[in-house]
Protein backbone atom coordinates (compact mmCIF):
# COMPACT_ATOMS: atom_id res chain seq x y z
CA MET A 1 12.81 -0.63 -27.32
CA SER A 2 10.58 -1.93 -24.39
CA ARG A 3 9.04 -5.25 -24.86
CA GLU A 4 5.58 -5.97 -23.05
CA VAL A 5 5.67 -8.32 -20.20
CA GLN A 6 3.30 -11.29 -20.64
CA PRO A 7 1.94 -12.90 -17.60
CA LEU A 8 4.73 -13.77 -15.23
CA GLY A 9 4.95 -17.28 -13.94
CA ARG A 10 5.89 -17.50 -10.15
CA PHE A 11 9.72 -17.96 -10.72
CA ALA A 12 10.08 -15.82 -13.58
CA PRO A 13 12.76 -12.96 -13.18
CA MET A 14 11.53 -9.54 -12.30
CA PRO A 15 12.62 -6.14 -13.84
CA ASP A 16 15.07 -4.44 -11.15
CA GLY A 17 12.83 -2.56 -8.50
CA LEU A 18 9.96 -5.00 -8.89
CA ALA A 19 9.27 -7.66 -6.55
CA ALA A 20 5.75 -8.87 -7.78
CA VAL A 21 3.52 -8.37 -10.83
CA ILE A 22 -0.05 -9.41 -9.66
CA LEU A 23 -2.72 -10.10 -12.25
CA PRO A 24 -6.11 -9.47 -10.74
CA ARG A 25 -8.68 -12.26 -11.03
CA ALA A 26 -11.69 -11.27 -12.80
CA HIS A 27 -15.26 -12.48 -11.87
CA ASP A 28 -18.87 -11.36 -12.54
CA ILE A 29 -21.30 -9.67 -9.97
CA GLY A 30 -24.46 -9.11 -11.13
CA GLY A 31 -23.35 -8.63 -14.98
CA LEU A 32 -20.88 -6.20 -13.56
CA GLU A 33 -17.14 -7.57 -13.81
CA VAL A 34 -14.85 -7.17 -11.00
CA ARG A 35 -11.28 -7.40 -10.86
CA ARG A 36 -9.40 -8.34 -7.54
CA ALA A 37 -5.50 -7.59 -7.10
CA LEU A 38 -5.17 -8.05 -3.56
CA PRO A 39 -5.07 -10.18 -1.70
CA SER A 40 -3.56 -12.59 -3.81
CA GLN A 41 -1.16 -15.56 -3.60
CA GLU A 42 2.08 -13.33 -4.38
CA ARG A 43 0.87 -10.74 -1.55
CA GLN A 44 -1.80 -10.36 0.85
CA MET A 45 -1.21 -6.97 1.60
CA VAL A 46 0.46 -3.87 0.50
CA GLY A 47 1.00 -1.65 3.56
CA PRO A 48 -2.08 -1.53 5.12
CA PHE A 49 -4.20 -2.38 1.92
CA VAL A 50 -5.43 -5.56 2.57
CA PHE A 51 -7.98 -5.59 -0.36
CA PHE A 52 -8.25 -3.88 -3.61
CA ASP A 53 -10.80 -4.29 -6.25
CA GLN A 54 -11.26 -2.74 -9.81
CA VAL A 55 -15.13 -2.59 -10.57
CA GLY A 56 -16.21 -2.07 -14.04
CA PRO A 57 -16.26 -0.03 -16.02
CA GLY A 58 -19.77 -1.55 -16.73
CA GLU A 59 -23.50 -0.16 -17.71
CA PHE A 60 -26.78 -1.05 -16.12
CA LEU A 61 -29.79 -1.30 -18.32
CA ARG A 62 -32.95 1.35 -17.44
CA GLY A 63 -34.43 -0.06 -13.94
CA GLN A 64 -31.36 -2.03 -12.83
CA GLY A 65 -28.47 -0.91 -11.02
CA LEU A 66 -26.34 -2.18 -8.08
CA ASP A 67 -27.92 -3.93 -5.10
CA VAL A 68 -25.74 -4.91 -2.50
CA ARG A 69 -27.63 -5.89 0.44
CA PRO A 70 -26.60 -5.05 4.08
CA HIS A 71 -23.62 -6.69 5.25
CA PRO A 72 -21.25 -6.49 8.44
CA HIS A 73 -17.37 -5.54 8.64
CA VAL A 74 -15.14 -5.59 11.52
CA GLY A 75 -11.55 -4.52 11.75
CA LEU A 76 -11.04 -2.41 8.81
CA SER A 77 -11.48 0.79 6.95
CA THR A 78 -13.40 0.56 3.55
CA VAL A 79 -12.30 3.37 0.81
CA THR A 80 -14.91 3.51 -2.24
CA TYR A 81 -13.25 5.90 -5.09
CA LEU A 82 -15.53 6.01 -8.27
CA PHE A 83 -14.15 7.31 -11.74
CA GLU A 84 -18.04 6.89 -13.06
CA GLY A 85 -21.53 6.74 -11.87
CA ALA A 86 -23.11 7.00 -8.27
CA ILE A 87 -23.74 4.73 -5.43
CA ARG A 88 -26.30 5.10 -2.33
CA HIS A 89 -24.34 4.21 0.85
CA ARG A 90 -26.16 3.64 3.92
CA ASP A 91 -25.07 2.18 7.26
CA SER A 92 -25.78 1.12 10.89
CA LEU A 93 -24.94 4.79 12.02
CA GLY A 94 -27.75 6.15 10.18
CA THR A 95 -25.38 7.46 7.42
CA ASN A 96 -27.37 7.98 4.13
CA GLN A 97 -24.65 9.26 1.31
CA SER A 98 -24.41 9.49 -2.27
CA ILE A 99 -20.63 8.99 -3.91
CA VAL A 100 -19.98 10.24 -7.21
CA ALA A 101 -16.94 10.27 -9.49
CA GLY A 102 -13.75 11.75 -7.59
CA ASP A 103 -15.52 11.48 -4.19
CA VAL A 104 -14.12 9.36 -1.32
CA ASN A 105 -16.19 7.19 1.06
CA TRP A 106 -14.02 6.22 4.10
CA MET A 107 -16.11 4.16 6.42
CA THR A 108 -14.11 2.38 9.61
CA ALA A 109 -15.76 -0.56 10.70
CA GLY A 110 -13.73 -1.19 13.99
CA ALA A 111 -15.69 -2.88 16.51
CA GLY A 112 -18.19 -3.76 13.87
CA ILE A 113 -20.58 -1.74 11.07
CA VAL A 114 -23.28 -2.82 8.70
CA HIS A 115 -24.12 -0.83 5.30
CA SER A 116 -25.44 -1.55 2.00
CA GLU A 117 -24.52 0.05 -1.67
CA ARG A 118 -27.23 0.42 -4.29
CA THR A 119 -27.76 2.50 -7.37
CA ALA A 120 -30.52 5.09 -6.18
CA THR A 121 -33.86 4.92 -7.37
CA GLU A 122 -33.55 8.18 -9.48
CA ASP A 123 -30.35 6.87 -11.44
CA ARG A 124 -32.14 3.76 -12.34
CA SER A 125 -34.70 5.75 -14.52
CA ARG A 126 -32.16 5.45 -17.18
CA ARG A 127 -29.06 3.62 -18.33
CA ASN A 128 -26.20 4.05 -15.58
CA ARG A 129 -22.43 3.36 -15.59
CA LEU A 130 -20.46 2.51 -12.79
CA PHE A 131 -16.50 2.59 -12.65
CA GLY A 132 -14.61 2.71 -9.41
CA LEU A 133 -12.05 0.97 -6.98
CA GLN A 134 -12.94 -0.51 -3.57
CA SER A 135 -10.06 -1.34 -1.13
CA TRP A 136 -9.97 -2.25 2.27
CA VAL A 137 -7.35 -0.62 4.98
CA ALA A 138 -6.33 -2.81 7.83
CA MET A 139 -6.21 -1.52 11.27
CA PRO A 140 -3.21 -1.41 13.72
CA ARG A 141 -3.90 -4.04 16.39
CA SER A 142 -4.36 -1.35 18.82
CA MET A 143 -7.18 0.33 16.81
CA GLU A 144 -9.08 -2.78 15.58
CA GLU A 145 -12.04 -2.17 18.10
CA VAL A 146 -12.56 1.52 17.85
CA ALA A 147 -15.97 2.87 17.42
CA PRO A 148 -17.39 2.50 14.08
CA SER A 149 -17.41 5.79 12.15
CA PHE A 150 -17.93 7.21 8.12
CA PHE A 151 -16.81 10.13 6.52
CA HIS A 152 -17.39 11.28 3.00
CA HIS A 153 -14.96 13.51 1.09
CA ALA A 154 -16.11 15.49 -1.87
CA ALA A 155 -13.84 15.66 -4.99
CA ALA A 156 -13.03 19.23 -4.57
CA THR A 157 -11.40 18.86 -1.28
CA LEU A 158 -8.67 16.61 -2.45
CA PRO A 159 -5.39 17.96 -3.09
CA VAL A 160 -4.12 17.94 -6.72
CA ALA A 161 -0.57 18.38 -7.92
CA GLU A 162 -0.39 19.34 -11.85
CA ASP A 163 2.67 20.04 -14.06
CA GLY A 164 1.50 19.73 -17.64
CA GLN A 165 2.67 16.22 -17.69
CA VAL A 166 1.20 14.60 -14.46
CA ARG A 167 -2.15 15.34 -12.72
CA LEU A 168 -2.22 13.68 -9.39
CA ARG A 169 -4.84 13.77 -6.55
CA LEU A 170 -4.14 12.44 -3.41
CA ILE A 171 -6.99 10.60 -2.32
CA ALA A 172 -5.53 9.77 1.39
CA GLY A 173 -2.54 9.79 3.24
CA SER A 174 0.34 11.79 2.19
CA GLY A 175 3.01 12.19 -0.44
CA TRP A 176 4.50 14.22 -3.52
CA GLY A 177 4.29 17.21 -0.78
CA LEU A 178 0.48 16.81 -0.47
CA ARG A 179 -1.55 15.91 2.49
CA SER A 180 -5.21 14.40 2.08
CA PRO A 181 -8.05 15.47 4.23
CA VAL A 182 -9.02 11.99 4.84
CA GLU A 183 -8.15 10.85 8.37
CA THR A 184 -6.51 7.72 8.43
CA VAL A 185 -5.02 5.90 11.34
CA SER A 186 -1.56 4.67 10.00
CA GLU A 187 0.68 6.36 7.44
CA LEU A 188 -0.35 5.64 4.26
CA PHE A 189 -0.44 7.01 0.37
CA TYR A 190 -3.17 6.51 -1.92
CA ALA A 191 -3.31 8.41 -5.21
CA ASP A 192 -4.91 8.42 -8.48
CA ALA A 193 -2.50 9.82 -11.26
CA ALA A 194 -2.74 10.55 -14.96
CA VAL A 195 0.62 10.49 -16.96
CA ALA A 196 0.98 11.90 -20.34
CA SER A 197 2.90 9.66 -22.80
CA GLY A 198 6.54 9.58 -21.99
CA ALA A 199 6.45 11.54 -18.87
CA THR A 200 7.67 9.97 -15.27
CA LEU A 201 6.31 10.14 -12.14
CA PRO A 202 8.50 9.07 -8.91
CA LEU A 203 7.11 6.93 -6.29
CA PRO A 204 6.67 8.68 -2.96
CA ASP A 205 9.63 8.26 -0.44
CA GLY A 206 9.33 7.40 3.08
CA TYR A 207 7.24 4.24 2.73
CA GLU A 208 8.36 1.00 2.73
CA GLU A 209 5.92 -0.76 0.71
CA ARG A 210 4.58 0.61 -2.11
CA ALA A 211 2.47 -0.55 -5.16
CA ALA A 212 0.96 0.83 -8.65
CA TYR A 213 -1.97 -0.16 -10.31
CA VAL A 214 -2.11 0.32 -14.21
CA LEU A 215 -5.88 1.12 -14.83
CA GLU A 216 -5.48 2.58 -18.16
CA GLY A 217 -2.63 2.63 -20.75
CA GLY A 218 0.47 1.25 -19.87
CA VAL A 219 3.75 1.80 -18.18
CA GLU A 220 7.63 1.30 -18.79
CA LEU A 221 9.85 0.09 -16.05
CA GLY A 222 13.34 -1.40 -16.35
CA GLY A 223 12.97 -1.62 -20.02
CA GLU A 224 9.81 -3.59 -19.83
CA PHE A 225 6.11 -2.72 -20.67
CA PHE A 226 3.11 -3.27 -18.51
CA ALA A 227 -0.06 -2.88 -19.86
CA ALA A 228 -3.32 -2.14 -17.89
CA GLY A 229 -4.79 -4.74 -15.35
CA ARG A 230 -1.51 -5.31 -13.38
CA LEU A 231 -0.47 -4.30 -9.84
CA LEU A 232 2.97 -3.62 -9.74
CA VAL A 233 4.61 -4.22 -6.34
CA PHE A 234 8.18 -2.63 -5.79
CA HIS A 235 10.97 -3.36 -3.54
CA PRO A 236 11.45 -1.57 -0.38
CA ARG A 237 13.16 1.68 -0.29
CA ASN A 238 14.41 2.14 -4.03
CA GLN A 239 14.15 5.22 -5.65
CA LEU A 240 11.88 4.58 -8.64
CA ALA A 241 10.06 6.67 -11.35
CA ILE A 242 7.27 5.08 -13.42
CA ARG A 243 7.24 6.08 -17.22
CA ALA A 244 3.82 5.94 -19.01
CA GLY A 245 3.80 4.49 -22.38
CA ARG A 246 3.21 5.98 -25.69
CA ASP A 247 -0.72 6.17 -24.72
CA GLY A 248 -0.21 7.41 -21.44
CA ALA A 249 -1.08 5.60 -18.52
CA ARG A 250 -3.75 6.09 -15.51
CA LEU A 251 -2.36 4.82 -12.19
CA LEU A 252 -3.54 4.35 -8.62
CA LEU A 253 -0.54 4.33 -6.34
CA LEU A 254 -0.84 3.01 -3.01
CA GLY A 255 1.42 1.87 0.20
CA GLY A 256 2.56 2.43 3.56
CA ALA A 257 4.37 0.79 6.50
CA PRO A 258 4.10 -3.03 6.67
CA MET A 259 1.44 -4.09 9.16
CA ASP A 260 2.12 -5.25 12.88
CA GLY A 261 1.76 -8.87 11.98
CA PRO A 262 -0.30 -10.80 9.72
CA ARG A 263 -4.17 -10.57 9.22
CA HIS A 264 -6.80 -13.10 8.99
CA LEU A 265 -9.48 -12.68 6.39
CA PHE A 266 -13.03 -14.42 6.38
CA TRP A 267 -15.95 -12.79 4.12
CA ASN A 268 -15.85 -9.28 5.15
CA PHE A 269 -14.26 -9.51 8.41
CA VAL A 270 -10.35 -8.63 8.90
CA SER A 271 -8.46 -9.15 12.16
CA SER A 272 -5.18 -9.99 14.06
CA SER A 273 -7.24 -12.53 15.93
CA ARG A 274 -8.89 -15.48 14.31
CA GLU A 275 -10.98 -15.73 17.52
CA ARG A 276 -12.56 -12.36 16.96
CA ILE A 277 -13.27 -13.52 13.24
CA GLU A 278 -15.64 -16.40 14.89
CA GLN A 279 -17.26 -13.93 17.32
CA ALA A 280 -18.14 -11.57 14.34
CA LYS A 281 -19.64 -14.93 12.51
CA ALA A 282 -21.11 -15.84 15.60
CA ASP A 283 -22.61 -12.41 16.11
CA TRP A 284 -23.85 -11.75 12.41
CA VAL A 285 -25.74 -15.32 12.77
CA ALA A 286 -27.18 -14.49 15.84
CA GLY A 287 -28.47 -10.92 14.70
CA ARG A 288 -26.56 -9.05 17.16
CA PHE A 289 -25.15 -6.33 14.65
CA ALA A 290 -26.95 -3.21 14.39
CA ARG A 291 -29.60 -2.94 11.21
CA VAL A 292 -29.42 -0.49 8.23
CA PRO A 293 -31.93 2.42 9.03
CA GLY A 294 -33.93 2.59 5.89
CA ASP A 295 -32.60 -0.76 4.17
CA GLU A 296 -33.92 -3.25 6.94
CA ALA A 297 -35.75 -5.69 4.63
CA GLU A 298 -32.64 -7.71 3.17
CA PHE A 299 -29.23 -8.80 4.28
CA VAL A 300 -26.47 -10.77 2.95
CA PRO A 301 -26.35 -14.38 5.12
CA LEU A 302 -23.08 -15.48 6.29
CA PRO A 303 -21.23 -17.57 3.48
CA ASP A 304 -20.05 -21.01 3.77
CA ALA A 305 -16.35 -21.28 4.99
CA ARG A 306 -15.48 -23.00 1.48
CA ASN A 307 -16.86 -19.69 -0.48
CA ALA A 308 -15.25 -16.79 1.80
CA HIS A 309 -11.76 -15.32 2.23
CA ARG A 310 -9.35 -17.69 4.34
CA PRO A 311 -6.12 -16.32 5.88
CA ALA A 312 -3.61 -15.54 2.85
CA THR A 313 -5.99 -17.13 0.33
CA GLN A 314 -8.76 -15.07 -1.67
CA THR A 315 -11.89 -16.24 -2.99
CA VAL A 316 -15.01 -14.69 -3.83
CA ALA A 317 -17.75 -14.10 -1.61
CA GLU A 318 -20.75 -11.59 -1.53
CA GLY A 319 -20.57 -8.74 0.72
CA SER A 320 -19.41 -5.11 -0.07
CA PRO A 321 -19.85 -4.73 -4.03
CA THR A 322 -16.67 -6.00 -4.66
CA SER A 323 -16.22 -8.93 -1.98
């Protein structure tokens, strides 16, 4: 019989195949609970994934909604994926795009972009729910200063594999014999899987760094049970399969090759260079970033250094819906 693993201390033994079990830190943003799994003390990154937040589930009252004012990014791609609700994305490229459940918004900041994320006016006329994920994908050094871009992919365009016990949608990258139409600048995988009670799902081969976030239900691995709200980080190259618990499991699977060196994080900026971070900070304060058409009246000011990400640390700061 498996037993549930309680929060693991830093030096607690791990089941075979597991390198770390990360318990996300929960915080409140405007009445919406956000759980941050990356970066953490245990791991700054998994493959190119340098940031991973669960947003909600939560409900806004009539007349209320998400209001993330315009804010900048450099050196990364943001990936937004929803289970419930809708968000209106605007950016300094002139994009005005709604994302709903099952869709993917992939925004590459590169040399710099500004965006806002809000609940649309029509959705505020009633109670509205929001539940989703936002992750950041760090870019290879050679690509950190590419021109910014934005791509929206409707749910129907994402490949799905299903066998009666497992239903897997590939959000980005390649794995399990599928390839997503979402264009990436590095080899990675990012998938949303629903696994029936007692069924197993193998991790994809060919990736050195791999992890699984247990969104709902629970999973068994090496005789241990892991409930929802944990990020399981696996040892490289092990051939592993995850078994869903008696109530089944909803998993987000992610990973890729190790990055080409460490990354520095401050607020919404990611770079291999500390100097680039300082330049981005100065550019935002001086107003040198482009504005967001249709959302120009407000912006998020640069936070105090004590209240923003530092290299290899993780502190909450206002920015994207989860940062």
